[in-house]
Amino acid sequence: MTQTQNRFLDELAKMFTNAAGAAQGVRSEVETLMRSQAERMIGDLDLVTREEFDVVRDMARLAREENEELKARIVALEAAAKAKPAAKKAAPKKSAAKPKKSAE
């Protein structure tokens, strides 16, 4: 079987190759445009950065831990306060007589 060159098919192949290259260029231009638009919109939203988010998350974690410690301390102080009146009621009261003032 012999191969013959067909000028029409060669031109058609070149046209498709050029069209594919042009389509790739258009695709990259559209991606660049979309990326810049998305970055602009995100910039307008005033979002926090990852570093700022991590700092605030750590601050919240520390505040929760401190709140838990303070809650435990309050519970302990309330238990101690309830125990003191019971101890005072059990102990007899001392009556101290007030000295009378002398009139001069």
N, C-alpha and C. Protein backbone atom coordinates (compact mmCIF):
# COMPACT_ATOMS: atom_id res chain seq x y z
N MET A 1 0.85 -1.16 0.00
CA MET A 1 0.00 0.00 0.00
C MET A 1 0.90 1.23 0.00
N THR A 2 0.61 2.12 -0.83
CA THR A 2 1.45 3.30 -0.97
C THR A 2 0.80 4.47 -0.25
N GLN A 3 1.65 5.32 0.25
CA GLN A 3 1.14 6.51 0.95
C GLN A 3 1.20 7.68 -0.01
N THR A 4 0.12 8.38 -0.06
CA THR A 4 0.09 9.58 -0.90
C THR A 4 -0.14 10.77 0.00
N GLN A 5 0.36 11.88 -0.40
CA GLN A 5 0.17 13.08 0.39
C GLN A 5 -1.04 13.81 -0.14
N ASN A 6 -1.91 14.12 0.78
CA ASN A 6 -3.10 14.86 0.41
C ASN A 6 -2.96 16.25 0.99
N ARG A 7 -2.89 17.23 0.15
CA ARG A 7 -2.67 18.60 0.58
C ARG A 7 -3.85 19.10 1.44
N PHE A 8 -5.03 18.73 1.10
CA PHE A 8 -6.21 19.13 1.87
C PHE A 8 -6.14 18.63 3.30
N LEU A 9 -5.76 17.35 3.48
CA LEU A 9 -5.67 16.79 4.83
C LEU A 9 -4.54 17.45 5.62
N ASP A 10 -3.44 17.77 4.96
CA ASP A 10 -2.34 18.46 5.65
C ASP A 10 -2.78 19.84 6.14
N GLU A 11 -3.47 20.56 5.30
CA GLU A 11 -3.95 21.89 5.68
C GLU A 11 -4.98 21.79 6.80
N LEU A 12 -5.83 20.78 6.73
CA LEU A 12 -6.83 20.57 7.78
C LEU A 12 -6.16 20.24 9.11
N ALA A 13 -5.12 19.42 9.09
CA ALA A 13 -4.38 19.07 10.30
C ALA A 13 -3.70 20.30 10.88
N LYS A 14 -3.11 21.14 10.03
CA LYS A 14 -2.46 22.36 10.51
C LYS A 14 -3.50 23.29 11.14
N MET A 15 -4.66 23.39 10.51
CA MET A 15 -5.71 24.25 11.02
C MET A 15 -6.17 23.79 12.42
N PHE A 16 -6.35 22.48 12.57
CA PHE A 16 -6.76 21.95 13.89
C PHE A 16 -5.66 22.15 14.93
N THR A 17 -4.43 22.01 14.55
CA THR A 17 -3.31 22.23 15.47
C THR A 17 -3.28 23.69 15.92
N ASN A 18 -3.43 24.59 14.96
CA ASN A 18 -3.45 26.01 15.31
C ASN A 18 -4.67 26.35 16.17
N ALA A 19 -5.81 25.75 15.85
CA ALA A 19 -7.01 26.01 16.63
C ALA A 19 -6.84 25.50 18.06
N ALA A 20 -6.19 24.34 18.22
CA ALA A 20 -5.96 23.81 19.57
C ALA A 20 -5.03 24.73 20.35
N GLY A 21 -4.00 25.24 19.68
CA GLY A 21 -3.09 26.18 20.35
C GLY A 21 -3.80 27.47 20.74
N ALA A 22 -4.65 27.96 19.85
CA ALA A 22 -5.41 29.18 20.15
C ALA A 22 -6.38 28.93 21.30
N ALA A 23 -7.02 27.77 21.31
CA ALA A 23 -7.95 27.44 22.39
C ALA A 23 -7.22 27.35 23.73
N GLN A 24 -6.00 26.81 23.72
CA GLN A 24 -5.20 26.73 24.94
C GLN A 24 -4.86 28.13 25.43
N GLY A 25 -4.52 29.02 24.51
CA GLY A 25 -4.20 30.41 24.88
C GLY A 25 -5.42 31.11 25.46
N VAL A 26 -6.58 30.90 24.84
CA VAL A 26 -7.81 31.50 25.36
C VAL A 26 -8.12 30.95 26.74
N ARG A 27 -7.91 29.67 26.91
CA ARG A 27 -8.18 29.03 28.22
C ARG A 27 -7.30 29.64 29.31
N SER A 28 -6.01 29.82 29.02
CA SER A 28 -5.12 30.40 30.03
C SER A 28 -5.49 31.85 30.32
N GLU A 29 -5.91 32.59 29.29
CA GLU A 29 -6.35 33.97 29.51
C GLU A 29 -7.60 34.02 30.38
N VAL A 30 -8.55 33.14 30.13
CA VAL A 30 -9.77 33.10 30.92
C VAL A 30 -9.46 32.71 32.37
N GLU A 31 -8.57 31.74 32.56
CA GLU A 31 -8.18 31.34 33.92
C GLU A 31 -7.55 32.50 34.66
N THR A 32 -6.66 33.23 33.99
CA THR A 32 -6.01 34.38 34.62
C THR A 32 -7.03 35.44 34.99
N LEU A 33 -7.96 35.72 34.09
CA LEU A 33 -8.99 36.71 34.36
C LEU A 33 -9.87 36.29 35.53
N MET A 34 -10.29 35.02 35.55
CA MET A 34 -11.14 34.53 36.63
C MET A 34 -10.40 34.56 37.97
N ARG A 35 -9.13 34.19 37.95
CA ARG A 35 -8.33 34.21 39.18
C ARG A 35 -8.21 35.63 39.73
N SER A 36 -7.94 36.59 38.86
CA SER A 36 -7.80 37.98 39.33
C SER A 36 -9.13 38.52 39.84
N GLN A 37 -10.24 38.16 39.19
CA GLN A 37 -11.56 38.59 39.66
C GLN A 37 -11.87 37.97 41.02
N ALA A 38 -11.56 36.69 41.18
CA ALA A 38 -11.82 36.01 42.45
C ALA A 38 -10.98 36.62 43.57
N GLU A 39 -9.71 36.92 43.28
CA GLU A 39 -8.85 37.54 44.29
C GLU A 39 -9.37 38.92 44.68
N ARG A 40 -9.86 39.68 43.70
CA ARG A 40 -10.40 41.00 43.98
C ARG A 40 -11.66 40.89 44.85
N MET A 41 -12.53 39.94 44.53
CA MET A 41 -13.75 39.77 45.31
C MET A 41 -13.45 39.32 46.72
N ILE A 42 -12.50 38.41 46.88
CA ILE A 42 -12.12 37.95 48.21
C ILE A 42 -11.50 39.09 49.00
N GLY A 43 -10.70 39.92 48.34
CA GLY A 43 -10.11 41.08 49.00
C GLY A 43 -11.17 42.06 49.48
N ASP A 44 -12.24 42.18 48.72
CA ASP A 44 -13.33 43.09 49.11
C ASP A 44 -14.14 42.55 50.28
N LEU A 45 -14.10 41.26 50.51
CA LEU A 45 -14.89 40.65 51.59
C LEU A 45 -14.30 40.90 52.97
N ASP A 46 -13.06 41.38 53.05
CA ASP A 46 -12.41 41.66 54.32
C ASP A 46 -12.34 40.42 55.20
N LEU A 47 -11.84 39.34 54.63
CA LEU A 47 -11.68 38.09 55.36
C LEU A 47 -10.40 38.12 56.19
N VAL A 48 -10.37 37.31 57.24
CA VAL A 48 -9.18 37.24 58.08
C VAL A 48 -8.16 36.30 57.44
N THR A 49 -6.90 36.53 57.79
CA THR A 49 -5.85 35.65 57.30
C THR A 49 -5.79 34.41 58.18
N ARG A 50 -5.11 33.41 57.72
CA ARG A 50 -4.97 32.16 58.47
C ARG A 50 -4.25 32.42 59.79
N GLU A 51 -3.24 33.28 59.76
CA GLU A 51 -2.48 33.58 60.98
C GLU A 51 -3.37 34.26 62.02
N GLU A 52 -4.19 35.22 61.57
CA GLU A 52 -5.11 35.90 62.50
C GLU A 52 -6.11 34.91 63.08
N PHE A 53 -6.61 34.01 62.26
CA PHE A 53 -7.56 33.01 62.72
C PHE A 53 -6.93 32.11 63.78
N ASP A 54 -5.69 31.67 63.53
CA ASP A 54 -5.00 30.80 64.49
C ASP A 54 -4.78 31.51 65.82
N VAL A 55 -4.43 32.80 65.77
CA VAL A 55 -4.20 33.56 67.01
C VAL A 55 -5.49 33.66 67.81
N VAL A 56 -6.59 33.98 67.15
CA VAL A 56 -7.88 34.12 67.85
C VAL A 56 -8.34 32.77 68.39
N ARG A 57 -8.11 31.69 67.63
CA ARG A 57 -8.49 30.36 68.10
C ARG A 57 -7.70 30.00 69.36
N ASP A 58 -6.40 30.31 69.40
CA ASP A 58 -5.60 30.03 70.59
C ASP A 58 -6.06 30.88 71.78
N MET A 59 -6.43 32.14 71.51
CA MET A 59 -6.94 32.99 72.59
C MET A 59 -8.24 32.42 73.15
N ALA A 60 -9.11 31.93 72.29
CA ALA A 60 -10.38 31.35 72.75
C ALA A 60 -10.13 30.09 73.56
N ARG A 61 -9.17 29.26 73.13
CA ARG A 61 -8.84 28.04 73.86
C ARG A 61 -8.33 28.39 75.26
N LEU A 62 -7.44 29.37 75.35
CA LEU A 62 -6.91 29.77 76.66
C LEU A 62 -8.01 30.34 77.54
N ALA A 63 -8.92 31.10 76.96
CA ALA A 63 -10.03 31.67 77.74
C ALA A 63 -10.94 30.56 78.26
N ARG A 64 -11.20 29.54 77.45
CA ARG A 64 -12.02 28.41 77.91
C ARG A 64 -11.33 27.69 79.08
N GLU A 65 -10.03 27.47 78.95
CA GLU A 65 -9.31 26.79 80.02
C GLU A 65 -9.35 27.61 81.30
N GLU A 66 -9.17 28.92 81.18
CA GLU A 66 -9.22 29.78 82.36
C GLU A 66 -10.61 29.77 82.97
N ASN A 67 -11.65 29.79 82.14
CA ASN A 67 -13.02 29.74 82.65
C ASN A 67 -13.29 28.44 83.39
N GLU A 68 -12.78 27.34 82.88
CA GLU A 68 -12.97 26.06 83.57
C GLU A 68 -12.27 26.05 84.92
N GLU A 69 -11.05 26.62 84.97
CA GLU A 69 -10.33 26.70 86.24
C GLU A 69 -11.08 27.59 87.24
N LEU A 70 -11.57 28.72 86.76
CA LEU A 70 -12.30 29.63 87.64
C LEU A 70 -13.61 29.01 88.12
N LYS A 71 -14.27 28.26 87.26
CA LYS A 71 -15.51 27.58 87.65
C LYS A 71 -15.24 26.56 88.76
N ALA A 72 -14.16 25.81 88.61
CA ALA A 72 -13.80 24.83 89.65
C ALA A 72 -13.46 25.54 90.96
N ARG A 73 -12.80 26.68 90.84
CA ARG A 73 -12.44 27.45 92.04
C ARG A 73 -13.69 27.99 92.73
N ILE A 74 -14.66 28.47 91.95
CA ILE A 74 -15.91 28.98 92.52
C ILE A 74 -16.66 27.87 93.23
N VAL A 75 -16.72 26.70 92.62
CA VAL A 75 -17.40 25.56 93.24
C VAL A 75 -16.74 25.22 94.57
N ALA A 76 -15.40 25.23 94.60
CA ALA A 76 -14.69 24.92 95.84
C ALA A 76 -14.95 25.99 96.90
N LEU A 77 -14.96 27.26 96.50
CA LEU A 77 -15.22 28.33 97.46
C LEU A 77 -16.65 28.28 97.99
N GLU A 78 -17.60 27.97 97.13
CA GLU A 78 -18.99 27.85 97.59
C GLU A 78 -19.15 26.68 98.55
N ALA A 79 -18.47 25.59 98.29
CA ALA A 79 -18.53 24.44 99.20
C ALA A 79 -17.92 24.80 100.55
N ALA A 80 -16.82 25.55 100.51
CA ALA A 80 -16.18 25.96 101.77
C ALA A 80 -17.07 26.95 102.51
N ALA A 81 -17.75 27.83 101.80
CA ALA A 81 -18.63 28.81 102.44
C ALA A 81 -19.83 28.12 103.08
N LYS A 82 -20.33 27.07 102.47
CA LYS A 82 -21.45 26.34 103.05
C LYS A 82 -21.00 25.56 104.28
N ALA A 83 -19.77 25.11 104.30
CA ALA A 83 -19.27 24.34 105.43
C ALA A 83 -19.01 25.23 106.63
N LYS A 84 -18.62 26.49 106.46
CA LYS A 84 -18.31 27.39 107.57
C LYS A 84 -19.53 27.71 108.42
N PRO A 85 -20.68 28.05 107.88
CA PRO A 85 -21.84 28.33 108.74
C PRO A 85 -22.24 27.12 109.57
N ALA A 86 -22.10 25.95 109.03
CA ALA A 86 -22.43 24.75 109.79
C ALA A 86 -21.47 24.61 110.97
N ALA A 87 -20.22 24.94 110.76
CA ALA A 87 -19.23 24.85 111.84
C ALA A 87 -19.49 25.94 112.88
N LYS A 88 -19.93 27.12 112.46
CA LYS A 88 -20.21 28.20 113.39
C LYS A 88 -21.43 27.88 114.25
N LYS A 89 -22.44 27.25 113.67
CA LYS A 89 -23.63 26.89 114.44
C LYS A 89 -23.32 25.84 115.49
N ALA A 90 -22.38 24.97 115.22
CA ALA A 90 -22.04 23.91 116.16
C ALA A 90 -21.24 24.47 117.34
N ALA A 91 -20.44 25.48 117.13
CA ALA A 91 -19.62 26.04 118.20
C ALA A 91 -20.46 26.98 119.06
N PRO A 92 -20.30 26.93 120.42
CA PRO A 92 -21.06 27.82 121.29
C PRO A 92 -20.59 29.26 121.12
N LYS A 93 -21.55 30.18 121.26
CA LYS A 93 -21.22 31.59 121.10
C LYS A 93 -20.71 32.12 122.43
N LYS A 94 -19.71 32.96 122.36
CA LYS A 94 -19.16 33.61 123.56
C LYS A 94 -19.89 34.93 123.72
N SER A 95 -20.35 35.16 124.93
CA SER A 95 -21.02 36.42 125.17
C SER A 95 -20.05 37.35 125.88
N ALA A 96 -19.81 38.42 125.29
CA ALA A 96 -18.90 39.40 125.88
C ALA A 96 -19.74 40.58 126.37
N ALA A 97 -19.59 40.87 127.65
CA ALA A 97 -20.35 41.99 128.19
C ALA A 97 -19.65 43.27 127.85
N LYS A 98 -20.43 44.23 127.39
CA LYS A 98 -19.85 45.48 127.03
C LYS A 98 -19.68 46.32 128.31
N PRO A 99 -18.53 46.90 128.46
CA PRO A 99 -18.35 47.75 129.66
C PRO A 99 -19.20 49.02 129.53
N LYS A 100 -19.74 49.42 130.65
CA LYS A 100 -20.58 50.60 130.68
C LYS A 100 -19.69 51.84 130.68
N LYS A 101 -20.14 52.83 129.99
CA LYS A 101 -19.39 54.07 129.97
C LYS A 101 -19.71 54.84 131.24
N SER A 102 -18.70 55.38 131.80
CA SER A 102 -18.93 56.17 133.01
C SER A 102 -19.11 57.62 132.61
N ALA A 103 -20.07 58.25 133.26
CA ALA A 103 -20.36 59.64 132.96
C ALA A 103 -19.45 60.49 133.79
N GLU A 104 -18.82 61.39 133.19
CA GLU A 104 -17.90 62.26 133.91
C GLU A 104 -18.50 63.55 134.22
